[in-house]
């Protein structure tokens, strides 16, 4: 359990104005950002400067067994 006596603020930005689309997330007092990008929207991210930095990403999906799985992936540096 988180035991801080101070609250945290989470900001969610709906990048496509759609809660089922791409979402950027910021946590107060943390320098990183988290993104949720549906697989069908990945190609729409090539023009976003904020997504061109070195990245650690997770792929989520339901394989044929229909059980949720997460795959951790290596950080990659984007080519300019």
N, C-alpha and C. Protein backbone atom coordinates (compact mmCIF):
# COMPACT_ATOMS: atom_id res chain seq x y z
N UNK A 1 0.85 -1.18 0.00
CA UNK A 1 0.00 0.00 0.00
C UNK A 1 0.89 1.24 0.00
N UNK A 2 0.48 2.27 -0.68
CA UNK A 2 1.21 3.52 -0.76
C UNK A 2 0.95 4.31 0.51
N UNK A 3 2.02 4.72 1.22
CA UNK A 3 1.85 5.32 2.54
C UNK A 3 2.27 6.79 2.60
N UNK A 4 2.23 7.51 1.52
CA UNK A 4 2.57 8.93 1.54
C UNK A 4 1.43 9.73 2.15
N UNK A 5 1.79 10.75 2.91
CA UNK A 5 0.74 11.59 3.50
C UNK A 5 0.26 12.65 2.53
N UNK A 6 0.91 12.74 1.37
CA UNK A 6 0.52 13.71 0.36
C UNK A 6 -0.13 12.99 -0.82
N UNK A 7 -1.10 13.61 -1.41
CA UNK A 7 -1.76 13.03 -2.56
C UNK A 7 -0.94 13.19 -3.83
N UNK A 8 -1.34 12.54 -4.86
CA UNK A 8 -0.71 12.62 -6.18
C UNK A 8 -1.76 13.04 -7.19
N UNK A 9 -1.31 13.74 -8.20
CA UNK A 9 -2.18 14.13 -9.29
C UNK A 9 -1.81 13.34 -10.53
N UNK A 10 -2.79 12.74 -11.17
CA UNK A 10 -2.59 12.05 -12.44
C UNK A 10 -3.33 12.84 -13.50
N UNK A 11 -2.60 13.25 -14.54
CA UNK A 11 -3.23 13.97 -15.66
C UNK A 11 -3.30 13.03 -16.85
N UNK A 12 -4.48 12.89 -17.41
CA UNK A 12 -4.67 12.10 -18.61
C UNK A 12 -5.02 13.03 -19.76
N UNK A 13 -4.31 12.89 -20.87
CA UNK A 13 -4.57 13.70 -22.06
C UNK A 13 -5.05 12.76 -23.16
N UNK A 14 -6.27 12.97 -23.61
CA UNK A 14 -6.83 12.16 -24.69
C UNK A 14 -6.32 12.72 -26.01
N UNK A 15 -5.30 12.09 -26.57
CA UNK A 15 -4.61 12.62 -27.74
C UNK A 15 -5.51 12.69 -28.98
N UNK A 16 -6.53 11.86 -29.04
CA UNK A 16 -7.46 11.84 -30.17
C UNK A 16 -8.85 12.31 -29.77
N UNK A 17 -8.99 12.89 -28.58
CA UNK A 17 -10.30 13.28 -28.03
C UNK A 17 -11.23 12.08 -27.91
N UNK A 18 -10.66 10.91 -27.70
CA UNK A 18 -11.43 9.67 -27.64
C UNK A 18 -10.85 8.81 -26.51
N UNK A 19 -11.66 8.44 -25.52
CA UNK A 19 -11.14 7.62 -24.41
C UNK A 19 -10.68 6.23 -24.85
N UNK A 20 -11.06 5.78 -26.01
CA UNK A 20 -10.60 4.49 -26.54
C UNK A 20 -9.39 4.66 -27.45
N UNK A 21 -8.94 5.90 -27.64
CA UNK A 21 -7.80 6.17 -28.50
C UNK A 21 -6.50 6.27 -27.71
N UNK A 22 -5.59 7.09 -28.23
CA UNK A 22 -4.29 7.26 -27.58
C UNK A 22 -4.42 8.15 -26.35
N UNK A 23 -3.71 7.79 -25.28
CA UNK A 23 -3.76 8.54 -24.03
C UNK A 23 -2.35 8.78 -23.53
N UNK A 24 -2.06 10.03 -23.14
CA UNK A 24 -0.81 10.37 -22.48
C UNK A 24 -1.10 10.61 -21.01
N UNK A 25 -0.24 10.11 -20.14
CA UNK A 25 -0.45 10.20 -18.70
C UNK A 25 0.77 10.80 -18.03
N UNK A 26 0.54 11.73 -17.11
CA UNK A 26 1.61 12.34 -16.31
C UNK A 26 1.25 12.20 -14.84
N UNK A 27 2.25 11.90 -14.03
CA UNK A 27 2.09 11.78 -12.59
C UNK A 27 2.86 12.93 -11.95
N UNK A 28 2.23 13.63 -10.99
CA UNK A 28 2.89 14.76 -10.36
C UNK A 28 4.19 14.32 -9.69
N UNK A 29 5.20 15.17 -9.75
CA UNK A 29 6.53 14.93 -9.18
C UNK A 29 7.24 13.73 -9.81
N UNK A 30 6.98 13.45 -11.08
CA UNK A 30 7.66 12.40 -11.81
C UNK A 30 7.98 12.95 -13.20
N UNK A 31 9.20 12.76 -13.68
CA UNK A 31 9.60 13.36 -14.95
C UNK A 31 9.20 12.54 -16.16
N UNK A 32 8.82 11.30 -15.98
CA UNK A 32 8.45 10.44 -17.10
C UNK A 32 7.01 10.64 -17.53
N UNK A 33 6.67 10.03 -18.64
CA UNK A 33 5.30 10.01 -19.14
C UNK A 33 4.95 8.58 -19.50
N UNK A 34 3.69 8.26 -19.41
CA UNK A 34 3.20 6.95 -19.84
C UNK A 34 2.19 7.18 -20.96
N UNK A 35 2.20 6.28 -21.91
CA UNK A 35 1.27 6.38 -23.04
C UNK A 35 0.54 5.07 -23.19
N UNK A 36 -0.72 5.17 -23.54
CA UNK A 36 -1.49 3.99 -23.95
C UNK A 36 -1.86 4.22 -25.40
N UNK A 37 -1.34 3.37 -26.25
CA UNK A 37 -1.58 3.53 -27.68
C UNK A 37 -2.10 2.22 -28.23
N UNK A 38 -3.35 2.19 -28.68
CA UNK A 38 -3.88 0.97 -29.28
C UNK A 38 -3.07 0.59 -30.52
N UNK A 39 -2.96 -0.69 -30.76
CA UNK A 39 -2.15 -1.19 -31.88
C UNK A 39 -2.51 -0.54 -33.21
N UNK A 40 -3.76 -0.31 -33.46
CA UNK A 40 -4.19 0.30 -34.72
C UNK A 40 -3.83 1.77 -34.85
N UNK A 41 -3.40 2.40 -33.76
CA UNK A 41 -3.06 3.83 -33.77
C UNK A 41 -1.55 4.08 -33.77
N UNK A 42 -0.74 3.04 -33.71
CA UNK A 42 0.72 3.23 -33.65
C UNK A 42 1.21 4.01 -34.86
N UNK A 43 0.69 3.71 -36.04
CA UNK A 43 1.14 4.41 -37.25
C UNK A 43 0.81 5.90 -37.22
N UNK A 44 -0.16 6.31 -36.41
CA UNK A 44 -0.53 7.72 -36.30
C UNK A 44 0.41 8.50 -35.39
N UNK A 45 1.41 7.86 -34.81
CA UNK A 45 2.29 8.50 -33.84
C UNK A 45 3.58 9.03 -34.45
N UNK A 46 3.83 8.79 -35.72
CA UNK A 46 5.11 9.16 -36.33
C UNK A 46 5.34 10.67 -36.37
N UNK A 47 4.29 11.46 -36.33
CA UNK A 47 4.44 12.92 -36.41
C UNK A 47 4.52 13.60 -35.03
N UNK A 48 4.49 12.84 -33.96
CA UNK A 48 4.49 13.42 -32.61
C UNK A 48 5.91 13.47 -32.05
N UNK A 49 6.41 14.66 -31.82
CA UNK A 49 7.76 14.86 -31.30
C UNK A 49 7.93 14.24 -29.92
N UNK A 50 6.90 14.28 -29.08
CA UNK A 50 7.01 13.74 -27.73
C UNK A 50 7.14 12.22 -27.70
N UNK A 51 6.92 11.55 -28.80
CA UNK A 51 7.06 10.09 -28.86
C UNK A 51 8.33 9.66 -29.59
N UNK A 52 9.27 10.57 -29.80
CA UNK A 52 10.51 10.25 -30.51
C UNK A 52 11.69 10.00 -29.59
N UNK A 53 11.50 10.04 -28.30
CA UNK A 53 12.60 9.82 -27.36
C UNK A 53 12.78 8.32 -27.10
N UNK A 54 13.87 7.98 -26.41
CA UNK A 54 14.10 6.59 -26.03
C UNK A 54 12.92 6.11 -25.20
N UNK A 55 12.51 4.89 -25.44
CA UNK A 55 11.25 4.41 -24.89
C UNK A 55 11.37 3.01 -24.31
N UNK A 56 10.69 2.78 -23.23
CA UNK A 56 10.45 1.44 -22.72
C UNK A 56 8.97 1.19 -22.92
N UNK A 57 8.61 0.06 -23.49
CA UNK A 57 7.20 -0.16 -23.79
C UNK A 57 6.78 -1.57 -23.42
N UNK A 58 5.50 -1.70 -23.20
CA UNK A 58 4.87 -2.99 -22.91
C UNK A 58 3.81 -3.25 -23.96
N UNK A 59 3.74 -4.47 -24.43
CA UNK A 59 2.70 -4.86 -25.37
C UNK A 59 1.70 -5.74 -24.61
N UNK A 60 0.45 -5.36 -24.67
CA UNK A 60 -0.61 -6.13 -24.02
C UNK A 60 -1.48 -6.76 -25.09
N UNK A 61 -1.97 -7.93 -24.81
CA UNK A 61 -2.85 -8.54 -25.79
C UNK A 61 -3.45 -9.82 -25.27
N UNK A 62 -4.39 -10.31 -26.03
CA UNK A 62 -5.03 -11.58 -25.72
C UNK A 62 -4.68 -12.55 -26.85
N UNK A 63 -3.79 -13.48 -26.57
CA UNK A 63 -3.49 -14.48 -27.59
C UNK A 63 -4.63 -15.46 -27.75
N UNK A 64 -4.41 -16.47 -28.52
CA UNK A 64 -5.47 -17.43 -28.82
C UNK A 64 -6.05 -18.11 -27.58
N UNK A 65 -5.29 -18.15 -26.49
CA UNK A 65 -5.80 -18.78 -25.26
C UNK A 65 -6.81 -17.90 -24.54
N UNK A 66 -6.96 -16.64 -24.97
CA UNK A 66 -7.89 -15.68 -24.40
C UNK A 66 -7.55 -15.31 -22.96
N UNK A 67 -6.31 -15.47 -22.55
CA UNK A 67 -5.88 -15.00 -21.24
C UNK A 67 -5.01 -13.76 -21.46
N UNK A 68 -5.15 -12.77 -20.59
CA UNK A 68 -4.38 -11.55 -20.73
C UNK A 68 -2.89 -11.84 -20.54
N UNK A 69 -2.08 -11.21 -21.37
CA UNK A 69 -0.63 -11.36 -21.26
C UNK A 69 0.00 -10.00 -21.49
N UNK A 70 1.18 -9.80 -20.90
CA UNK A 70 1.96 -8.60 -21.13
C UNK A 70 3.36 -9.04 -21.53
N UNK A 71 3.94 -8.36 -22.49
CA UNK A 71 5.28 -8.66 -22.96
C UNK A 71 6.13 -7.43 -22.73
N UNK A 72 7.23 -7.57 -21.97
CA UNK A 72 8.10 -6.42 -21.79
C UNK A 72 9.09 -6.38 -22.94
N UNK A 73 9.37 -5.21 -23.40
CA UNK A 73 10.19 -5.02 -24.58
C UNK A 73 11.38 -4.12 -24.24
N UNK A 74 12.43 -4.29 -24.99
CA UNK A 74 13.65 -3.54 -24.75
C UNK A 74 13.49 -2.08 -25.15
N UNK A 75 14.17 -1.21 -24.41
CA UNK A 75 14.16 0.21 -24.77
C UNK A 75 14.88 0.39 -26.10
N UNK A 76 14.36 1.28 -26.93
CA UNK A 76 14.98 1.53 -28.22
C UNK A 76 15.16 3.02 -28.40
N UNK A 77 16.20 3.39 -29.11
CA UNK A 77 16.44 4.80 -29.46
C UNK A 77 15.86 5.03 -30.84
N UNK A 78 15.07 6.06 -30.98
CA UNK A 78 14.46 6.38 -32.26
C UNK A 78 15.48 7.03 -33.18
N UNK A 79 15.47 6.66 -34.45
CA UNK A 79 16.34 7.28 -35.43
C UNK A 79 15.70 8.59 -35.89
N UNK A 80 16.54 9.57 -36.13
CA UNK A 80 16.03 10.88 -36.56
C UNK A 80 15.96 10.99 -38.05
